[in-house]
Amino acid sequence: MKAAIAACALVCLLLWPRPALADGAELFQLHCAGCHVNGGNIIRRGKTLKLAALERQGVASEQAIAAIVAGGQGQMSGYGAVLGEQGTQEVAAWVWQQALAGWPKA
């Protein structure tokens, strides 16, 4: 009887729908917005996520942003271990889209 219950539990765990991964905007709100609200930077005003600042810093691409999200830079710690590769890419894509759009207010 215990084996049957264990087998049923295993099947349920394998087949149960998994929660959808959070998208870049949600991950940004959870992990980044505390310092980078609306693309700004509360620690270093010149190091924002606005397009002009990204271009000035030489990180004006989704790939460059992803590298910083994953590994960190300067005073910012990396979030690669927290977000994983998928989450890192989603945050970078979202940040890049916002930068290109001028960080429109929601």
PDB file of N, CA and C in Angstrom:
ATOM      1  N   MET A   1       0.822  -1.190   0.000  1.00  0.00           N
ATOM      2  CA  MET A   1       0.000   0.000   0.000  1.00  0.00           C
ATOM      3  C   MET A   1       0.872   1.263   0.000  1.00  0.00           C
ATOM      4  N   LYS A   2       1.954   1.284   0.822  1.00  0.00           N
ATOM      5  CA  LYS A   2       2.840   2.439   0.875  1.00  0.00           C
ATOM      6  C   LYS A   2       3.516   2.671  -0.476  1.00  0.00           C
ATOM      7  N   ALA A   3       3.871   1.591  -1.145  1.00  0.00           N
ATOM      8  CA  ALA A   3       4.516   1.717  -2.454  1.00  0.00           C
ATOM      9  C   ALA A   3       3.561   2.346  -3.461  1.00  0.00           C
ATOM     10  N   ALA A   4       2.296   1.979  -3.403  1.00  0.00           N
ATOM     11  CA  ALA A   4       1.313   2.540  -4.323  1.00  0.00           C
ATOM     12  C   ALA A   4       1.116   4.036  -4.061  1.00  0.00           C
ATOM     13  N   ILE A   5       1.093   4.432  -2.804  1.00  0.00           N
ATOM     14  CA  ILE A   5       0.940   5.850  -2.458  1.00  0.00           C
ATOM     15  C   ILE A   5       2.169   6.637  -2.918  1.00  0.00           C
ATOM     16  N   ALA A   6       3.347   6.062  -2.692  1.00  0.00           N
ATOM     17  CA  ALA A   6       4.580   6.720  -3.111  1.00  0.00           C
ATOM     18  C   ALA A   6       4.623   6.865  -4.630  1.00  0.00           C
ATOM     19  N   ALA A   7       4.215   5.824  -5.354  1.00  0.00           N
ATOM     20  CA  ALA A   7       4.186   5.881  -6.821  1.00  0.00           C
ATOM     21  C   ALA A   7       3.201   6.938  -7.302  1.00  0.00           C
ATOM     22  N   CYS A   8       2.047   7.006  -6.658  1.00  0.00           N
ATOM     23  CA  CYS A   8       1.040   8.011  -7.023  1.00  0.00           C
ATOM     24  C   CYS A   8       1.577   9.420  -6.772  1.00  0.00           C
ATOM     25  N   ALA A   9       2.226   9.611  -5.648  1.00  0.00           N
ATOM     26  CA  ALA A   9       2.787  10.923  -5.316  1.00  0.00           C
ATOM     27  C   ALA A   9       3.845  11.331  -6.339  1.00  0.00           C
ATOM     28  N   LEU A  10       4.679  10.395  -6.745  1.00  0.00           N
ATOM     29  CA  LEU A  10       5.720  10.674  -7.728  1.00  0.00           C
ATOM     30  C   LEU A  10       5.104  11.074  -9.064  1.00  0.00           C
ATOM     31  N   VAL A  11       4.088  10.347  -9.503  1.00  0.00           N
ATOM     32  CA  VAL A  11       3.417  10.669 -10.764  1.00  0.00           C
ATOM     33  C   VAL A  11       2.776  12.052 -10.682  1.00  0.00           C
ATOM     34  N   CYS A  12       2.144  12.363  -9.554  1.00  0.00           N
ATOM     35  CA  CYS A  12       1.521  13.673  -9.386  1.00  0.00           C
ATOM     36  C   CYS A  12       2.552  14.791  -9.454  1.00  0.00           C
ATOM     37  N   LEU A  13       3.703  14.596  -8.831  1.00  0.00           N
ATOM     38  CA  LEU A  13       4.745  15.614  -8.860  1.00  0.00           C
ATOM     39  C   LEU A  13       5.284  15.824 -10.268  1.00  0.00           C
ATOM     40  N   LEU A  14       5.425  14.739 -11.003  1.00  0.00           N
ATOM     41  CA  LEU A  14       5.967  14.843 -12.360  1.00  0.00           C
ATOM     42  C   LEU A  14       4.975  15.461 -13.333  1.00  0.00           C
ATOM     43  N   LEU A  15       3.700  15.207 -13.142  1.00  0.00           N
ATOM     44  CA  LEU A  15       2.689  15.669 -14.089  1.00  0.00           C
ATOM     45  C   LEU A  15       2.005  16.959 -13.670  1.00  0.00           C
ATOM     46  N   TRP A  16       2.140  17.362 -12.420  1.00  0.00           N
ATOM     47  CA  TRP A  16       1.469  18.564 -11.928  1.00  0.00           C
ATOM     48  C   TRP A  16       2.007  19.778 -12.677  1.00  0.00           C
ATOM     49  N   PRO A  17       1.127  20.660 -13.127  1.00  0.00           N
ATOM     50  CA  PRO A  17       1.616  21.833 -13.866  1.00  0.00           C
ATOM     51  C   PRO A  17       2.526  22.687 -13.001  1.00  0.00           C
ATOM     52  N   ARG A  18       3.641  23.066 -13.568  1.00  0.00           N
ATOM     53  CA  ARG A  18       4.583  23.917 -12.856  1.00  0.00           C
ATOM     54  C   ARG A  18       4.159  25.376 -13.036  1.00  0.00           C
ATOM     55  N   PRO A  19       4.456  26.214 -12.053  1.00  0.00           N
ATOM     56  CA  PRO A  19       4.134  27.630 -12.219  1.00  0.00           C
ATOM     57  C   PRO A  19       4.968  28.222 -13.348  1.00  0.00           C
ATOM     58  N   ALA A  20       4.388  29.129 -14.077  1.00  0.00           N
ATOM     59  CA  ALA A  20       5.112  29.785 -15.167  1.00  0.00           C
ATOM     60  C   ALA A  20       6.255  30.615 -14.582  1.00  0.00           C
ATOM     61  N   LEU A  21       7.347  30.657 -15.310  1.00  0.00           N
ATOM     62  CA  LEU A  21       8.460  31.494 -14.883  1.00  0.00           C
ATOM     63  C   LEU A  21       8.043  32.948 -14.973  1.00  0.00           C
ATOM     64  N   ALA A  22       8.500  33.719 -14.029  1.00  0.00           N
ATOM     65  CA  ALA A  22       8.203  35.144 -14.053  1.00  0.00           C
ATOM     66  C   ALA A  22       8.869  35.768 -15.275  1.00  0.00           C
ATOM     67  N   ASP A  23       8.246  36.770 -15.837  1.00  0.00           N
ATOM     68  CA  ASP A  23       8.860  37.424 -16.981  1.00  0.00           C
ATOM     69  C   ASP A  23       9.851  38.483 -16.518  1.00  0.00           C
ATOM     70  N   GLY A  24      10.530  39.099 -17.475  1.00  0.00           N
ATOM     71  CA  GLY A  24      11.568  40.071 -17.157  1.00  0.00           C
ATOM     72  C   GLY A  24      11.091  41.225 -16.300  1.00  0.00           C
ATOM     73  N   ALA A  25       9.882  41.711 -16.573  1.00  0.00           N
ATOM     74  CA  ALA A  25       9.357  42.839 -15.790  1.00  0.00           C
ATOM     75  C   ALA A  25       9.143  42.442 -14.337  1.00  0.00           C
ATOM     76  N   GLU A  26       8.596  41.256 -14.116  1.00  0.00           N
ATOM     77  CA  GLU A  26       8.374  40.793 -12.742  1.00  0.00           C
ATOM     78  C   GLU A  26       9.695  40.571 -12.013  1.00  0.00           C
ATOM     79  N   LEU A  27      10.642  39.955 -12.698  1.00  0.00           N
ATOM     80  CA  LEU A  27      11.949  39.710 -12.083  1.00  0.00           C
ATOM     81  C   LEU A  27      12.647  41.027 -11.768  1.00  0.00           C
ATOM     82  N   PHE A  28      12.531  41.998 -12.666  1.00  0.00           N
ATOM     83  CA  PHE A  28      13.120  43.317 -12.418  1.00  0.00           C
ATOM     84  C   PHE A  28      12.499  43.942 -11.175  1.00  0.00           C
ATOM     85  N   GLN A  29      11.181  43.873 -11.055  1.00  0.00           N
ATOM     86  CA  GLN A  29      10.511  44.435  -9.885  1.00  0.00           C
ATOM     87  C   GLN A  29      10.976  43.759  -8.597  1.00  0.00           C
ATOM     88  N   LEU A  30      11.165  42.448  -8.651  1.00  0.00           N
ATOM     89  CA  LEU A  30      11.566  41.698  -7.457  1.00  0.00           C
ATOM     90  C   LEU A  30      13.022  41.935  -7.055  1.00  0.00           C
ATOM     91  N   HIS A  31      13.914  42.049  -8.035  1.00  0.00           N
ATOM     92  CA  HIS A  31      15.341  42.028  -7.725  1.00  0.00           C
ATOM     93  C   HIS A  31      16.102  43.312  -8.049  1.00  0.00           C
ATOM     94  N   CYS A  32      15.544  44.183  -8.883  1.00  0.00           N
ATOM     95  CA  CYS A  32      16.322  45.314  -9.385  1.00  0.00           C
ATOM     96  C   CYS A  32      15.726  46.683  -9.057  1.00  0.00           C
ATOM     97  N   ALA A  33      14.409  46.754  -8.997  1.00  0.00           N
ATOM     98  CA  ALA A  33      13.737  48.053  -8.887  1.00  0.00           C
ATOM     99  C   ALA A  33      14.064  48.795  -7.594  1.00  0.00           C
ATOM    100  N   GLY A  34      14.512  48.100  -6.579  1.00  0.00           N
ATOM    101  CA  GLY A  34      14.880  48.779  -5.339  1.00  0.00           C
ATOM    102  C   GLY A  34      15.961  49.817  -5.553  1.00  0.00           C
ATOM    103  N   CYS A  35      16.880  49.548  -6.435  1.00  0.00           N
ATOM    104  CA  CYS A  35      17.950  50.497  -6.757  1.00  0.00           C
ATOM    105  C   CYS A  35      17.736  51.181  -8.108  1.00  0.00           C
ATOM    106  N   HIS A  36      17.021  50.520  -9.014  1.00  0.00           N
ATOM    107  CA  HIS A  36      16.877  51.022 -10.382  1.00  0.00           C
ATOM    108  C   HIS A  36      15.435  51.374 -10.728  1.00  0.00           C
ATOM    109  N   VAL A  37      14.727  52.017  -9.819  1.00  0.00           N
ATOM    110  CA  VAL A  37      13.341  52.387 -10.069  1.00  0.00           C
ATOM    111  C   VAL A  37      13.264  53.279 -11.315  1.00  0.00           C
ATOM    112  N   ASN A  38      12.353  52.943 -12.220  1.00  0.00           N
ATOM    113  CA  ASN A  38      12.154  53.674 -13.486  1.00  0.00           C
ATOM    114  C   ASN A  38      13.453  53.850 -14.276  1.00  0.00           C
ATOM    115  N   GLY A  39      14.365  52.897 -14.164  1.00  0.00           N
ATOM    116  CA  GLY A  39      15.612  52.955 -14.916  1.00  0.00           C
ATOM    117  C   GLY A  39      16.676  53.846 -14.315  1.00  0.00           C
ATOM    118  N   GLY A  40      16.417  54.389 -13.141  1.00  0.00           N
ATOM    119  CA  GLY A  40      17.397  55.246 -12.479  1.00  0.00           C
ATOM    120  C   GLY A  40      18.410  54.431 -11.700  1.00  0.00           C
ATOM    121  N   ASN A  41      19.078  55.085 -10.788  1.00  0.00           N
ATOM    122  CA  ASN A  41      20.044  54.411  -9.926  1.00  0.00           C
ATOM    123  C   ASN A  41      20.150  55.232  -8.643  1.00  0.00           C
ATOM    124  N   ILE A  42      19.677  54.686  -7.541  1.00  0.00           N
ATOM    125  CA  ILE A  42      19.680  55.440  -6.289  1.00  0.00           C
ATOM    126  C   ILE A  42      21.056  55.466  -5.622  1.00  0.00           C
ATOM    127  N   ILE A  43      21.970  54.614  -6.056  1.00  0.00           N
ATOM    128  CA  ILE A  43      23.311  54.555  -5.471  1.00  0.00           C
ATOM    129  C   ILE A  43      24.264  55.502  -6.209  1.00  0.00           C
ATOM    130  N   ARG A  44      24.285  55.385  -7.542  1.00  0.00           N
ATOM    131  CA  ARG A  44      25.158  56.226  -8.376  1.00  0.00           C
ATOM    132  C   ARG A  44      24.323  56.826  -9.499  1.00  0.00           C
ATOM    133  N   ARG A  45      23.995  58.079  -9.377  1.00  0.00           N
ATOM    134  CA  ARG A  45      23.066  58.725 -10.313  1.00  0.00           C
ATOM    135  C   ARG A  45      23.472  58.624 -11.773  1.00  0.00           C
ATOM    136  N   GLY A  46      24.732  58.641 -12.067  1.00  0.00           N
ATOM    137  CA  GLY A  46      25.191  58.578 -13.462  1.00  0.00           C
ATOM    138  C   GLY A  46      25.134  57.192 -14.073  1.00  0.00           C
ATOM    139  N   LYS A  47      24.981  56.171 -13.260  1.00  0.00           N
ATOM    140  CA  LYS A  47      24.980  54.776 -13.740  1.00  0.00           C
ATOM    141  C   LYS A  47      23.552  54.268 -13.855  1.00  0.00           C
ATOM    142  N   THR A  48      22.744  54.946 -14.650  1.00  0.00           N
ATOM    143  CA  THR A  48      21.350  54.558 -14.803  1.00  0.00           C
ATOM    144  C   THR A  48      21.205  53.506 -15.900  1.00  0.00           C
ATOM    145  N   LEU A  49      19.973  53.106 -16.120  1.00  0.00           N
ATOM    146  CA  LEU A  49      19.652  52.159 -17.180  1.00  0.00           C
ATOM    147  C   LEU A  49      19.004  52.878 -18.368  1.00  0.00           C
ATOM    148  N   LYS A  50      19.169  54.183 -18.431  1.00  0.00           N
ATOM    149  CA  LYS A  50      18.679  54.971 -19.565  1.00  0.00           C
ATOM    150  C   LYS A  50      19.617  54.742 -20.743  1.00  0.00           C
ATOM    151  N   LEU A  51      19.092  54.845 -21.949  1.00  0.00           N
ATOM    152  CA  LEU A  51      19.868  54.526 -23.143  1.00  0.00           C
ATOM    153  C   LEU A  51      21.156  55.333 -23.242  1.00  0.00           C
ATOM    154  N   ALA A  52      21.094  56.630 -23.003  1.00  0.00           N
ATOM    155  CA  ALA A  52      22.304  57.459 -23.103  1.00  0.00           C
ATOM    156  C   ALA A  52      23.382  57.001 -22.123  1.00  0.00           C
ATOM    157  N   ALA A  53      22.985  56.665 -20.908  1.00  0.00           N
ATOM    158  CA  ALA A  53      23.949  56.201 -19.906  1.00  0.00           C
ATOM    159  C   ALA A  53      24.518  54.840 -20.286  1.00  0.00           C
ATOM    160  N   LEU A  54      23.672  53.947 -20.788  1.00  0.00           N
ATOM    161  CA  LEU A  54      24.151  52.636 -21.218  1.00  0.00           C
ATOM    162  C   LEU A  54      25.155  52.778 -22.356  1.00  0.00           C
ATOM    163  N   GLU A  55      24.858  53.659 -23.302  1.00  0.00           N
ATOM    164  CA  GLU A  55      25.788  53.891 -24.420  1.00  0.00           C
ATOM    165  C   GLU A  55      27.100  54.476 -23.913  1.00  0.00           C
ATOM    166  N   ARG A  56      27.027  55.432 -22.995  1.00  0.00           N
ATOM    167  CA  ARG A  56      28.216  56.061 -22.429  1.00  0.00           C
ATOM    168  C   ARG A  56      29.090  55.036 -21.698  1.00  0.00           C
ATOM    169  N   GLN A  57      28.449  54.054 -21.060  1.00  0.00           N
ATOM    170  CA  GLN A  57      29.167  53.035 -20.299  1.00  0.00           C
ATOM    171  C   GLN A  57      29.604  51.849 -21.156  1.00  0.00           C
ATOM    172  N   GLY A  58      29.213  51.845 -22.434  1.00  0.00           N
ATOM    173  CA  GLY A  58      29.591  50.760 -23.335  1.00  0.00           C
ATOM    174  C   GLY A  58      28.813  49.474 -23.105  1.00  0.00           C
ATOM    175  N   VAL A  59      27.602  49.585 -22.594  1.00  0.00           N
ATOM    176  CA  VAL A  59      26.768  48.397 -22.357  1.00  0.00           C
ATOM    177  C   VAL A  59      25.415  48.536 -23.066  1.00  0.00           C
ATOM    178  N   ALA A  60      25.455  49.061 -24.276  1.00  0.00           N
ATOM    179  CA  ALA A  60      24.224  49.325 -25.011  1.00  0.00           C
ATOM    180  C   ALA A  60      23.829  48.135 -25.879  1.00  0.00           C
ATOM    181  N   SER A  61      23.584  47.010 -25.221  1.00  0.00           N
ATOM    182  CA  SER A  61      23.053  45.837 -25.919  1.00  0.00           C
ATOM    183  C   SER A  61      22.454  44.899 -24.874  1.00  0.00           C
ATOM    184  N   GLU A  62      21.568  44.074 -25.341  1.00  0.00           N
ATOM    185  CA  GLU A  62      20.944  43.098 -24.446  1.00  0.00           C
ATOM    186  C   GLU A  62      21.988  42.154 -23.848  1.00  0.00           C
ATOM    187  N   GLN A  63      22.971  41.750 -24.658  1.00  0.00           N
ATOM    188  CA  GLN A  63      24.003  40.824 -24.183  1.00  0.00           C
ATOM    189  C   GLN A  63      24.877  41.459 -23.114  1.00  0.00           C
ATOM    190  N   ALA A  64      25.232  42.726 -23.305  1.00  0.00           N
ATOM    191  CA  ALA A  64      26.062  43.420 -22.312  1.00  0.00           C
ATOM    192  C   ALA A  64      25.307  43.597 -20.998  1.00  0.00           C
ATOM    193  N   ILE A  65      24.019  43.901 -21.093  1.00  0.00           N
ATOM    194  CA  ILE A  65      23.197  44.037 -19.890  1.00  0.00           C
ATOM    195  C   ILE A  65      23.097  42.698 -19.178  1.00  0.00           C
ATOM    196  N   ALA A  66      22.896  41.621 -19.938  1.00  0.00           N
ATOM    197  CA  ALA A  66      22.801  40.279 -19.343  1.00  0.00           C
ATOM    198  C   ALA A  66      24.078  39.917 -18.590  1.00  0.00           C
ATOM    199  N   ALA A  67      25.214  40.288 -19.137  1.00  0.00           N
ATOM    200  CA  ALA A  67      26.493  39.986 -18.466  1.00  0.00           C
ATOM    201  C   ALA A  67      26.577  40.695 -17.122  1.00  0.00           C
ATOM    202  N   ILE A  68      26.105  41.941 -17.062  1.00  0.00           N
ATOM    203  CA  ILE A  68      26.134  42.678 -15.805  1.00  0.00           C
ATOM    204  C   ILE A  68      25.107  42.126 -14.829  1.00  0.00           C
ATOM    205  N   VAL A  69      23.920  41.804 -15.327  1.00  0.00           N
ATOM    206  CA  VAL A  69      22.893  41.209 -14.458  1.00  0.00           C
ATOM    207  C   VAL A  69      23.438  39.930 -13.831  1.00  0.00           C
ATOM    208  N   ALA A  70      24.088  39.108 -14.620  1.00  0.00           N
ATOM    209  CA  ALA A  70      24.597  37.818 -14.129  1.00  0.00           C
ATOM    210  C   ALA A  70      25.795  37.977 -13.197  1.00  0.00           C
ATOM    211  N   GLY A  71      26.766  38.790 -13.588  1.00  0.00           N
ATOM    212  CA  GLY A  71      28.017  38.855 -12.846  1.00  0.00           C
ATOM    213  C   GLY A  71      28.216  40.072 -11.970  1.00  0.00           C
ATOM    214  N   GLY A  72      27.387  41.088 -12.161  1.00  0.00           N
ATOM    215  CA  GLY A  72      27.544  42.313 -11.401  1.00  0.00           C
ATOM    216  C   GLY A  72      28.589  43.221 -12.003  1.00  0.00           C
ATOM    217  N   GLN A  73      28.671  44.427 -11.447  1.00  0.00           N
ATOM    218  CA  GLN A  73      29.674  45.396 -11.893  1.00  0.00           C
ATOM    219  C   GLN A  73      29.764  46.485 -10.843  1.00  0.00           C
ATOM    220  N   GLY A  74      30.971  46.863 -10.483  1.00  0.00           N
ATOM    221  CA  GLY A  74      31.150  47.905  -9.477  1.00  0.00           C
ATOM    222  C   GLY A  74      30.504  47.517  -8.157  1.00  0.00           C
ATOM    223  N   GLN A  75      29.640  48.384  -7.643  1.00  0.00           N
ATOM    224  CA  GLN A  75      28.977  48.128  -6.365  1.00  0.00           C
ATOM    225  C   GLN A  75      27.814  47.143  -6.482  1.00  0.00           C
ATOM    226  N   MET A  76      27.383  46.848  -7.712  1.00  0.00           N
ATOM    227  CA  MET A  76      26.247  45.954  -7.901  1.00  0.00           C
ATOM    228  C   MET A  76      26.698  44.500  -7.914  1.00  0.00           C
ATOM    229  N   SER A  77      26.079  43.708  -7.079  1.00  0.00           N
ATOM    230  CA  SER A  77      26.348  42.269  -7.074  1.00  0.00           C
ATOM    231  C   SER A  77      25.677  41.616  -8.267  1.00  0.00           C
ATOM    232  N   GLY A  78      26.200  40.478  -8.667  1.00  0.00           N
ATOM    233  CA  GLY A  78      25.582  39.711  -9.742  1.00  0.00           C
ATOM    234  C   GLY A  78      24.381  38.920  -9.236  1.00  0.00           C
ATOM    235  N   TYR A  79      23.434  38.691 -10.119  1.00  0.00           N
ATOM    236  CA  TYR A  79      22.212  37.966  -9.771  1.00  0.00           C
ATOM    237  C   TYR A  79      22.069  36.672 -10.558  1.00  0.00           C
ATOM    238  N   GLY A  80      23.132  36.236 -11.204  1.00  0.00           N
ATOM    239  CA  GLY A  80      23.077  35.025 -12.011  1.00  0.00           C
ATOM    240  C   GLY A  80      22.660  33.798 -11.220  1.00  0.00           C
ATOM    241  N   ALA A  81      23.154  33.660  -9.998  1.00  0.00           N
ATOM    242  CA  ALA A  81      22.808  32.497  -9.172  1.00  0.00           C
ATOM    243  C   ALA A  81      21.348  32.534  -8.742  1.00  0.00           C
ATOM    244  N   VAL A  82      20.801  33.726  -8.580  1.00  0.00           N
ATOM    245  CA  VAL A  82      19.407  33.877  -8.152  1.00  0.00           C
ATOM    246  C   VAL A  82      18.451  33.712  -9.324  1.00  0.00           C
ATOM    247  N   LEU A  83      18.783  34.347 -10.441  1.00  0.00           N
ATOM    248  CA  LEU A  83      17.882  34.373 -11.590  1.00  0.00           C
ATOM    249  C   LEU A  83      18.060  33.191 -12.538  1.00  0.00           C
ATOM    250  N   GLY A  84      19.241  32.607 -12.551  1.00  0.00           N
ATOM    251  CA  GLY A  84      19.528  31.564 -13.527  1.00  0.00           C
ATOM    252  C   GLY A  84      19.713  32.195 -14.906  1.00  0.00           C
ATOM    253  N   GLU A  85      20.127  31.401 -15.855  1.00  0.00           N
ATOM    254  CA  GLU A  85      20.388  31.925 -17.199  1.00  0.00           C
ATOM    255  C   GLU A  85      19.119  32.469 -17.849  1.00  0.00           C
ATOM    256  N   GLN A  86      18.025  31.746 -17.721  1.00  0.00           N
ATOM    257  CA  GLN A  86      16.750  32.183 -18.307  1.00  0.00           C
ATOM    258  C   GLN A  86      16.295  33.515 -17.716  1.00  0.00           C
ATOM    259  N   GLY A  87      16.306  33.623 -16.408  1.00  0.00           N
ATOM    260  CA  GLY A  87      15.885  34.853 -15.750  1.00  0.00           C
ATOM    261  C   GLY A  87      16.792  36.026 -16.085  1.00  0.00           C
ATOM    262  N   THR A  88      18.086  35.760 -16.148  1.00  0.00           N
ATOM    263  CA  THR A  88      19.049  36.796 -16.515  1.00  0.00           C
ATOM    264  C   THR A  88      18.740  37.340 -17.900  1.00  0.00           C
ATOM    265  N   GLN A  89      18.483  36.441 -18.848  1.00  0.00           N
ATOM    266  CA  GLN A  89      18.163  36.863 -20.217  1.00  0.00           C
ATOM    267  C   GLN A  89      16.849  37.633 -20.268  1.00  0.00           C
ATOM    268  N   GLU A  90      15.869  37.200 -19.491  1.00  0.00           N
ATOM    269  CA  GLU A  90      14.575  37.879 -19.489  1.00  0.00           C
ATOM    270  C   GLU A  90      14.686  39.293 -18.910  1.00  0.00           C
ATOM    271  N   VAL A  91      15.436  39.439 -17.831  1.00  0.00           N
ATOM    272  CA  VAL A  91      15.634  40.772 -17.251  1.00  0.00           C
ATOM    273  C   VAL A  91      16.385  41.657 -18.243  1.00  0.00           C
ATOM    274  N   ALA A  92      17.437  41.146 -18.838  1.00  0.00           N
ATOM    275  CA  ALA A  92      18.222  41.939 -19.792  1.00  0.00           C
ATOM    276  C   ALA A  92      17.370  42.376 -20.979  1.00  0.00           C
ATOM    277  N   ALA A  93      16.562  41.478 -21.512  1.00  0.00           N
ATOM    278  CA  ALA A  93      15.702  41.824 -22.649  1.00  0.00           C
ATOM    279  C   ALA A  93      14.712  42.910 -22.253  1.00  0.00           C
ATOM    280  N   TRP A  94      14.141  42.795 -21.072  1.00  0.00           N
ATOM    281  CA  TRP A  94      13.166  43.779 -20.613  1.00  0.00           C
ATOM    282  C   TRP A  94      13.822  45.139 -20.382  1.00  0.00           C
ATOM    283  N   VAL A  95      14.975  45.145 -19.736  1.00  0.00           N
ATOM    284  CA  VAL A  95      15.700  46.393 -19.487  1.00  0.00           C
ATOM    285  C   VAL A  95      16.050  47.061 -20.816  1.00  0.00           C
ATOM    286  N   TRP A  96      16.518  46.288 -21.777  1.00  0.00           N
ATOM    287  CA  TRP A  96      16.892  46.839 -23.082  1.00  0.00           C
ATOM    288  C   TRP A  96      15.670  47.438 -23.782  1.00  0.00           C
ATOM    289  N   GLN A  97      14.556  46.749 -23.736  1.00  0.00           N
ATOM    290  CA  GLN A  97      13.317  47.280 -24.328  1.00  0.00           C
ATOM    291  C   GLN A  97      12.914  48.587 -23.662  1.00  0.00           C
ATOM    292  N   GLN A  98      13.000  48.639 -22.341  1.00  0.00           N
ATOM    293  CA  GLN A  98      12.649  49.857 -21.615  1.00  0.00           C
ATOM    294  C   GLN A  98      13.595  50.996 -21.970  1.00  0.00           C
ATOM    295  N   ALA A  99      14.872  50.700 -22.065  1.00  0.00           N
ATOM    296  CA  ALA A  99      15.856  51.734 -22.412  1.00  0.00           C
ATOM    297  C   ALA A  99      15.558  52.298 -23.801  1.00  0.00           C
ATOM    298  N   LEU A 100      15.282  51.420 -24.754  1.00  0.00           N
ATOM    299  CA  LEU A 100      14.960  51.872 -26.111  1.00  0.00           C
ATOM    300  C   LEU A 100      13.687  52.710 -26.145  1.00  0.00           C
ATOM    301  N   ALA A 101      12.741  52.403 -25.265  1.00  0.00           N
ATOM    302  CA  ALA A 101      11.458  53.121 -25.224  1.00  0.00           C
ATOM    303  C   ALA A 101      11.502  54.339 -24.296  1.00  0.00           C
ATOM    304  N   GLY A 102      12.645  54.630 -23.705  1.00  0.00           N
ATOM    305  CA  GLY A 102      12.766  55.784 -22.819  1.00  0.00           C
ATOM    306  C   GLY A 102      12.196  55.577 -21.434  1.00  0.00           C
ATOM    307  N   TRP A 103      12.107  54.341 -21.000  1.00  0.00           N
ATOM    308  CA  TRP A 103      11.571  53.973 -19.692  1.00  0.00           C
ATOM    309  C   TRP A 103      10.215  54.643 -19.454  1.00  0.00           C
ATOM    310  N   PRO A 104       9.231  54.267 -20.274  1.00  0.00           N
ATOM    311  CA  PRO A 104       7.897  54.861 -20.093  1.00  0.00           C
ATOM    312  C   PRO A 104       7.318  54.495 -18.728  1.00  0.00           C
ATOM    313  N   LYS A 105       6.629  55.420 -18.138  1.00  0.00           N
ATOM    314  CA  LYS A 105       5.982  55.170 -16.848  1.00  0.00           C
ATOM    315  C   LYS A 105       4.777  54.269 -17.074  1.00  0.00           C
ATOM    316  N   ALA A 106       4.608  53.293 -16.206  1.00  0.00           N
ATOM    317  CA  ALA A 106       3.496  52.348 -16.343  1.00  0.00           C
ATOM    318  C   ALA A 106       2.202  52.951 -15.869  1.00  0.00           C
TER     319      ALA A 106
END
